Protein backbone atom coordinates (compact mmCIF):
# COMPACT_ATOMS: atom_id res chain seq x y z
CA UNK A 1 163.67 -6.35 147.62
CA UNK A 2 164.72 -9.94 147.63
CA UNK A 3 162.78 -12.14 149.80
CA UNK A 4 165.49 -13.96 150.78
CA UNK A 5 166.72 -11.97 153.19
CA UNK A 6 162.68 -11.67 154.62
CA UNK A 7 162.27 -15.44 154.66
CA UNK A 8 165.56 -15.51 156.27
CA UNK A 9 165.09 -13.01 158.75
CA UNK A 10 161.90 -15.11 159.87
CA UNK A 11 163.48 -17.96 159.94
CA UNK A 12 166.06 -16.43 162.59
CA UNK A 13 162.95 -14.80 164.49
CA UNK A 14 161.50 -18.11 165.01
CA UNK A 15 164.57 -19.64 166.79
CA UNK A 16 164.83 -17.75 169.44
CA UNK A 17 168.07 -17.28 171.29
CA UNK A 18 168.52 -15.48 174.23
CA UNK A 19 171.83 -14.81 176.15
CA UNK A 20 173.25 -17.49 178.21
CA UNK A 21 171.18 -20.19 176.77
CA UNK A 22 173.65 -21.92 174.42
CA UNK A 23 171.31 -24.88 173.16
CA UNK A 24 168.48 -22.46 171.58
CA UNK A 25 172.10 -20.67 170.59
CA UNK A 26 173.60 -23.69 168.63
CA UNK A 27 170.33 -24.81 166.84
CA UNK A 28 170.53 -20.59 165.59
CA UNK A 29 174.40 -21.37 165.23
CA UNK A 30 173.58 -24.41 162.80
CA UNK A 31 171.41 -22.24 160.88
CA UNK A 32 173.32 -19.04 160.20
CA UNK A 33 176.20 -21.32 159.74
CA UNK A 34 174.58 -22.65 156.95
CA UNK A 35 173.06 -19.66 155.69
CA UNK A 36 176.98 -18.46 155.53
CA UNK A 37 178.11 -21.28 153.27
CA UNK A 38 175.89 -20.94 150.83
CA UNK A 39 176.39 -17.19 150.59
CA UNK A 40 180.46 -17.82 150.10
CA UNK A 41 181.78 -17.91 154.18
CA UNK A 42 184.14 -20.25 155.65
CA UNK A 43 182.83 -21.39 159.15
CA UNK A 44 184.48 -21.70 161.96
CA UNK A 45 184.12 -21.60 165.91
CA UNK A 46 185.24 -20.05 169.10
CA UNK A 47 183.43 -22.29 172.08
CA UNK A 48 182.30 -21.58 174.43
CA UNK A 49 180.17 -23.12 177.60
CA UNK A 50 177.49 -20.22 177.26
CA UNK A 51 177.52 -19.98 173.68
CA UNK A 52 179.84 -20.39 170.66
CA UNK A 53 180.88 -17.43 168.47
CA UNK A 54 180.55 -17.33 164.42
CA UNK A 55 183.59 -16.67 162.61
CA UNK A 56 182.81 -16.22 159.10
CA UNK A 57 185.57 -15.81 156.15
CA UNK A 58 184.75 -14.52 152.81
CA UNK A 59 188.46 -14.66 150.69
CA UNK A 60 189.80 -12.29 148.66
CA UNK A 61 189.53 -11.95 145.18
CA UNK A 62 191.35 -9.46 142.91
CA UNK A 63 192.12 -7.27 146.46
CA UNK A 64 195.17 -6.89 148.83
CA UNK A 65 195.58 -5.95 151.93
CA UNK A 66 193.83 -5.82 155.90
CA UNK A 67 189.93 -7.05 155.68
CA UNK A 68 186.71 -5.47 156.73
CA UNK A 69 185.91 -6.98 159.38
CA UNK A 70 182.10 -6.54 160.17
CA UNK A 71 181.25 -6.93 163.90
CA UNK A 72 176.99 -8.56 164.88
CA UNK A 73 175.82 -11.04 167.38
CA UNK A 74 172.94 -13.47 167.62
CA UNK A 75 171.98 -13.17 171.15
CA UNK A 76 168.86 -11.71 172.12
CA UNK A 77 167.71 -9.97 175.48
CA UNK A 78 163.99 -12.22 175.06
CA UNK A 79 163.56 -15.11 176.87
CA UNK A 80 162.25 -18.53 175.24
CA UNK A 81 158.66 -18.53 174.56
CA UNK A 82 158.43 -14.93 174.09
CA UNK A 83 157.53 -15.54 170.69
CA UNK A 84 154.07 -16.54 172.28
CA UNK A 85 153.27 -12.80 172.86
CA UNK A 86 155.03 -11.36 170.56
CA UNK A 87 155.17 -13.05 167.91
CA UNK A 88 156.54 -12.38 164.76
CA UNK A 89 154.36 -10.53 161.94
CA UNK A 90 154.82 -8.82 158.54
CA UNK A 91 152.16 -5.83 157.99
CA UNK A 92 153.13 -3.60 155.15
CA UNK A 93 156.66 -1.81 155.79
CA UNK A 94 156.96 -2.60 159.07
CA UNK A 95 158.40 -6.55 160.83
CA UNK A 96 158.05 -7.40 164.57
CA UNK A 97 159.28 -9.95 166.56
CA UNK A 98 161.98 -10.64 169.04
CA UNK A 99 165.38 -9.43 168.09
CA UNK A 100 164.37 -8.31 164.63
CA UNK A 101 165.43 -5.00 165.03
CA UNK A 102 168.30 -6.02 167.50
CA UNK A 103 169.67 -7.91 165.49
CA UNK A 104 168.83 -10.33 163.27
CA UNK A 105 167.73 -8.09 160.40
CA UNK A 106 171.11 -7.13 160.25
CA UNK A 107 172.34 -11.33 159.85
CA UNK A 108 169.85 -11.36 156.85
CA UNK A 109 170.93 -8.41 155.44
CA UNK A 110 174.55 -9.04 155.48
CA UNK A 111 173.97 -12.62 153.96
CA UNK A 112 171.95 -10.94 151.55
CA UNK A 113 175.15 -8.30 150.58
CA UNK A 114 177.05 -11.25 150.27
CA UNK A 115 175.03 -13.35 148.24
CA UNK A 116 175.19 -10.11 146.20
CA UNK A 117 178.82 -9.04 145.03
CA UNK A 118 180.90 -9.50 143.34
CA UNK A 119 183.23 -12.65 143.80
CA UNK A 120 186.49 -11.39 141.35
CA UNK A 121 186.67 -8.26 143.64
CA UNK A 122 186.62 -7.57 146.95
CA UNK A 123 188.90 -7.69 150.02
CA UNK A 124 189.10 -10.33 152.29
CA UNK A 125 185.11 -10.14 154.36
CA UNK A 126 185.97 -11.35 158.12
CA UNK A 127 182.37 -11.57 159.97
CA UNK A 128 182.11 -12.49 164.17
CA UNK A 129 178.83 -13.13 165.35
CA UNK A 130 178.63 -13.58 169.06
CA UNK A 131 176.63 -14.91 170.92
CA UNK A 132 176.98 -12.58 174.26
CA UNK A 133 176.73 -9.36 172.90
CA UNK A 134 173.91 -8.54 175.55
CA UNK A 135 175.26 -8.66 178.77
CA UNK A 136 178.96 -6.83 177.31
CA UNK A 137 180.49 -9.47 174.92
CA UNK A 138 182.55 -11.09 178.45
CA UNK A 139 183.42 -13.90 176.30
CA UNK A 140 184.46 -12.42 173.41
CA UNK A 141 186.78 -9.35 174.06
CA UNK A 142 190.08 -11.15 172.97
CA UNK A 143 188.24 -12.40 170.12
CA UNK A 144 186.94 -8.82 168.69
CA UNK A 145 190.59 -7.97 169.91
CA UNK A 146 192.36 -9.47 167.72
CA UNK A 147 190.75 -9.55 164.58
CA UNK A 148 190.42 -5.60 165.00
CA UNK A 149 194.25 -5.30 164.94
CA UNK A 150 194.53 -7.29 161.15
CA UNK A 151 191.35 -4.74 159.86
CA UNK A 152 191.26 -2.32 157.46
CA UNK A 153 187.71 -0.64 158.62
CA UNK A 154 185.46 -2.19 160.50
CA UNK A 155 181.68 -2.49 160.48
CA UNK A 156 178.74 -2.86 163.30
CA UNK A 157 175.86 -4.33 162.19
CA UNK A 158 174.07 -2.99 165.23
CA UNK A 159 170.46 -1.26 164.70
CA UNK A 160 171.70 2.84 163.44
CA UNK A 161 170.25 6.03 165.67
CA UNK A 162 166.48 6.81 164.49
CA UNK A 163 165.84 7.19 160.98
CA UNK A 164 168.98 4.49 159.59
CA UNK A 165 172.31 7.23 160.74
CA UNK A 166 175.48 5.67 161.82
CA UNK A 167 177.27 5.61 164.85
CA UNK A 168 180.35 6.98 165.08
CA UNK A 169 181.12 6.72 169.17
CA UNK A 170 179.34 5.26 171.67
CA UNK A 171 180.05 5.88 175.66
CA UNK A 172 181.86 3.76 177.69
CA UNK A 173 179.68 0.58 179.16
CA UNK A 174 180.90 -1.57 182.60
CA UNK A 175 179.46 -3.61 184.68
CA UNK A 176 180.51 -4.10 187.79
CA UNK A 177 179.95 -6.33 191.63
CA UNK A 178 180.76 -5.31 194.47
CA UNK A 179 181.19 -8.30 196.51
CA UNK A 180 180.45 -7.89 200.76
CA UNK A 181 181.07 -9.91 203.63
CA UNK A 182 180.35 -10.24 206.78
CA UNK A 183 179.85 -11.41 210.17
CA UNK A 184 177.51 -13.11 210.94
CA UNK A 185 175.17 -13.65 215.15
CA UNK A 186 172.36 -12.80 216.41
CA UNK A 187 169.97 -9.67 215.63
CA UNK A 188 169.57 -8.99 218.79
CA UNK A 189 171.05 -11.51 221.64
CA UNK A 190 174.51 -10.44 220.68
CA UNK A 191 174.59 -7.92 217.78
CA UNK A 192 178.17 -6.20 218.57
CA UNK A 193 179.50 -9.67 217.86
CA UNK A 194 179.05 -9.02 214.29
CA UNK A 195 179.42 -6.92 210.78
CA UNK A 196 176.04 -6.43 208.44
CA UNK A 197 177.18 -6.79 204.84
CA UNK A 198 173.85 -5.00 203.42
CA UNK A 199 175.01 -2.33 206.09
CA UNK A 200 178.53 -2.08 204.90
CA UNK A 201 177.52 -2.76 201.14
CA UNK A 202 175.06 0.38 201.70
CA UNK A 203 177.74 2.68 203.05
CA UNK A 204 180.15 1.33 199.81
CA UNK A 205 177.13 2.13 197.14
CA UNK A 206 176.91 5.90 199.02
CA UNK A 207 181.14 6.37 198.23
CA UNK A 208 180.86 4.71 195.04
CA UNK A 209 177.65 7.44 194.47
CA UNK A 210 179.94 10.53 195.83
CA UNK A 211 182.57 8.82 192.89
CA UNK A 212 180.68 9.94 190.36
CA UNK A 213 178.79 13.33 191.33
CA UNK A 214 181.16 15.19 190.28
CA UNK A 215 181.52 13.85 186.93
CA UNK A 216 178.98 13.19 183.43
CA UNK A 217 178.92 9.58 184.27
CA UNK A 218 175.48 7.06 184.14
CA UNK A 219 175.04 5.22 186.84
CA UNK A 220 172.80 2.78 188.03
CA UNK A 221 172.68 0.01 190.68
CA UNK A 222 170.54 -2.55 188.99
CA UNK A 223 170.94 -5.16 191.61
CA UNK A 224 171.26 -6.08 195.49
CA UNK A 225 171.84 -9.11 196.97
CA UNK A 226 171.94 -10.32 200.45
CA UNK A 227 171.70 -11.67 203.85
CA UNK A 228 168.69 -14.11 205.13
CA UNK A 229 166.69 -13.45 208.01
CA UNK A 230 165.14 -9.87 209.88
CA UNK A 231 167.43 -11.74 213.00
CA UNK A 232 170.19 -12.80 211.86
CA UNK A 233 173.03 -10.48 211.14
CA UNK A 234 173.85 -10.33 207.54
CA UNK A 235 177.01 -12.84 206.69
CA UNK A 236 176.99 -11.63 202.17
CA UNK A 237 175.76 -8.94 200.01
CA UNK A 238 176.60 -7.22 197.03
CA UNK A 239 175.44 -5.11 194.86
CA UNK A 240 175.96 -5.11 190.32
CA UNK A 241 176.34 -1.47 188.56
CA UNK A 242 175.52 -0.57 185.43
CA UNK A 243 177.92 2.65 184.76
CA UNK A 244 178.14 5.00 181.28
CA UNK A 245 180.99 6.84 180.09
CA UNK A 246 181.42 9.30 177.54
CA UNK A 247 185.27 10.58 178.91
CA UNK A 248 188.28 8.30 179.04
CA UNK A 249 189.61 10.05 182.43
CA UNK A 250 186.34 9.85 184.04
CA UNK A 251 186.57 6.45 182.91
CA UNK A 252 189.36 5.81 184.93
CA UNK A 253 189.14 7.83 188.05
CA UNK A 254 185.51 6.30 188.96
CA UNK A 255 186.82 2.48 187.66
CA UNK A 256 189.65 3.55 190.21
CA UNK A 257 187.71 4.02 193.14
CA UNK A 258 186.12 0.86 192.77
CA UNK A 259 189.64 -0.71 192.90
CA UNK A 260 190.80 1.10 195.71
CA UNK A 261 187.67 0.42 198.04
CA UNK A 262 188.21 -0.62 201.67
CA UNK A 263 186.01 -1.96 204.12
CA UNK A 264 184.75 0.90 206.79
CA UNK A 265 183.77 -1.67 209.49
CA UNK A 266 186.97 -3.53 211.10
CA UNK A 267 185.57 -7.16 210.13
CA UNK A 268 184.06 -6.27 206.78
CA UNK A 269 185.68 -7.24 203.74
CA UNK A 270 185.13 -5.45 200.33
CA UNK A 271 186.08 -6.49 197.02
CA UNK A 272 184.93 -4.71 193.20
CA UNK A 273 185.28 -6.55 189.88
CA UNK A 274 184.15 -6.31 187.06
CA UNK A 275 181.53 -8.28 185.04
CA UNK A 276 181.91 -6.75 181.81
CA UNK A 277 183.88 -3.65 180.27
CA UNK A 278 183.85 -1.82 176.63
CA UNK A 279 185.93 1.19 176.82
CA UNK A 280 184.83 4.56 175.84
CA UNK A 281 184.89 4.80 172.06
CA UNK A 282 185.09 8.57 171.17
CA UNK A 283 184.69 9.97 167.56
CA UNK A 284 188.04 11.15 166.05
CA UNK A 285 190.08 11.11 162.69
CA UNK A 286 190.01 7.23 161.66
CA UNK A 287 186.40 6.78 162.09
CA UNK A 288 185.49 10.13 159.80
CA UNK A 289 188.02 8.67 157.62
CA UNK A 290 185.30 6.09 157.43
CA UNK A 291 182.51 7.77 157.40
CA UNK A 292 183.59 9.90 154.39
CA UNK A 293 184.20 7.10 152.75
CA UNK A 294 181.02 5.28 153.47
CA UNK A 295 178.91 8.26 152.95
CA UNK A 296 180.28 8.94 149.44
CA UNK A 297 179.70 5.14 148.84
CA UNK A 298 176.47 5.99 149.61
CA UNK A 299 175.82 8.52 147.88
CA UNK A 300 176.91 6.18 144.66
CA UNK A 301 173.87 3.85 145.03
CA UNK A 302 171.23 6.86 145.67
CA UNK A 303 171.34 6.46 149.24
CA UNK A 304 172.24 9.57 151.94
CA UNK A 305 174.26 7.80 155.52
CA UNK A 306 175.14 10.28 158.35
CA UNK A 307 176.86 9.79 161.32
CA UNK A 308 176.48 10.77 165.07
CA UNK A 309 178.14 9.43 168.36
CA UNK A 310 175.71 7.12 170.82
CA UNK A 311 175.15 6.54 173.82
CA UNK A 312 174.59 2.79 174.05
CA UNK A 313 177.61 0.26 173.88
CA UNK A 314 178.56 -2.64 172.02
CA UNK A 315 181.49 -4.34 170.41
CA UNK A 316 182.07 -1.41 168.20
CA UNK A 317 183.24 0.13 171.77
CA UNK A 318 186.45 -2.28 172.04
CA UNK A 319 187.29 -1.53 167.98
CA UNK A 320 186.84 2.40 167.93
CA UNK A 321 188.38 2.88 171.67
CA UNK A 322 191.74 0.46 169.71
CA UNK A 323 191.93 3.68 166.91
CA UNK A 324 190.71 1.02 164.34
CA UNK A 325 188.94 2.69 161.84
CA UNK A 326 185.04 1.72 162.99
CA UNK A 327 181.49 2.58 162.39
CA UNK A 328 178.16 1.12 163.53
CA UNK A 329 174.86 1.29 162.62
CA UNK A 330 174.46 -0.82 159.47
CA UNK A 331 171.64 -2.93 160.65
CA UNK A 332 168.60 -1.86 159.03
CA UNK A 333 166.61 0.90 160.36
CA UNK A 334 163.30 0.30 162.79
CA UNK A 335 163.14 0.34 166.87
CA UNK A 336 162.06 -0.49 169.83
CA UNK A 337 165.47 -2.13 171.34
CA UNK A 338 164.50 -4.28 174.22
CA UNK A 339 160.82 -3.26 173.82
CA UNK A 340 158.11 -5.50 173.36
CA UNK A 341 157.23 -2.85 170.79
CA UNK A 342 160.70 -3.77 168.11
CA UNK A 343 159.95 -3.41 165.30
CA UNK A 344 162.38 -3.04 162.11
CA UNK A 345 161.41 -2.17 158.28
CA UNK A 346 160.89 -3.84 155.01
CA UNK A 347 162.64 -0.90 152.82
CA UNK A 348 164.89 -0.73 155.08
CA UNK A 349 166.85 -3.98 155.19
CA UNK A 350 166.53 -3.49 151.48
CA UNK A 351 168.73 -0.40 151.66
CA UNK A 352 170.77 -1.46 154.01
CA UNK A 353 171.21 -4.69 151.97
CA UNK A 354 172.32 -2.55 148.82
CA UNK A 355 174.56 -0.49 151.54
CA UNK A 356 176.76 -3.37 152.32
CA UNK A 357 176.65 -4.47 148.33
CA UNK A 358 178.31 -1.59 147.90
CA UNK A 359 180.69 -1.36 150.77
CA UNK A 360 182.05 -4.65 150.66
CA UNK A 361 183.39 -4.40 147.10
CA UNK A 362 184.38 -0.34 147.93
CA UNK A 363 186.24 -0.23 151.50
CA UNK A 364 189.17 -1.14 149.39
CA UNK A 365 190.89 1.63 150.29
CA UNK A 366 192.98 2.88 153.19
């Protein structure tokens, strides 16, 4: 395979880019934009205080119709300094390092593919590289929806299933916060004058658990915080929840229950808000037809790919749920996402570069 893609992945990995670290993200954004420009893309940005979203455009040549939209991200879950204990390494077919699999190898493969396509015959190619995907893309949703509305197909550059199969649906994923206010008072001398925000929060969490108990919904109470001293009735508390849905009806029902939460204690206050929301993307005809076409193109270059739904969430939740033809998992195969065992396959990078090259010129129907 081309050493350019491996060199690019090496450079991207050494530029650590945790979500929310605007300075680190800006440094990698400069590298990525420069590489995209060399591959023929026009580059632009949608600016945000926590990190800019990158927008790359390859103008159409000899092909009319809507663009192919590719979705990726350049933030990772790894804080700056991780390289000291989780260094870049390349041994045989295995490359290790923070973010190599999720999903800097996907960016390296895409830019390598863009440099290899026939620039006299391809549709418009639009690429959105999100800065806050790892926390649910709270600032990128409108951008993704707007770009998807005019696309002929949406391809996600998230990691594939183990072995390389593509992703044709995703669980809905919502991050929600329950915020409770109470009334502070001395916990021994005048407890009845207070209203414990922590006690109220515990009861509210039990109500939420009851709402999901009979449904195939994953609920994780990720963080709880509140109060301050054991001799003071807590005046404030909150909990952050992670919810995963496989059915839009369950999603609507549970989120409705969150919106309807009311305080149990007379002097307490309760409010729930969504920190991020990715709707349930269920497999269906638009995505099935796109997968069929991808399989045809893959077969033409000697590759075999299959597809099935995934449990994890990504920006393709948004496009798939809106009914746009969407397939995800087009980054190279590997494993260990969000783990210190994270790795990506060298031969997988070559395979995905070849497939993306074929897709950028072959997805001209529909």
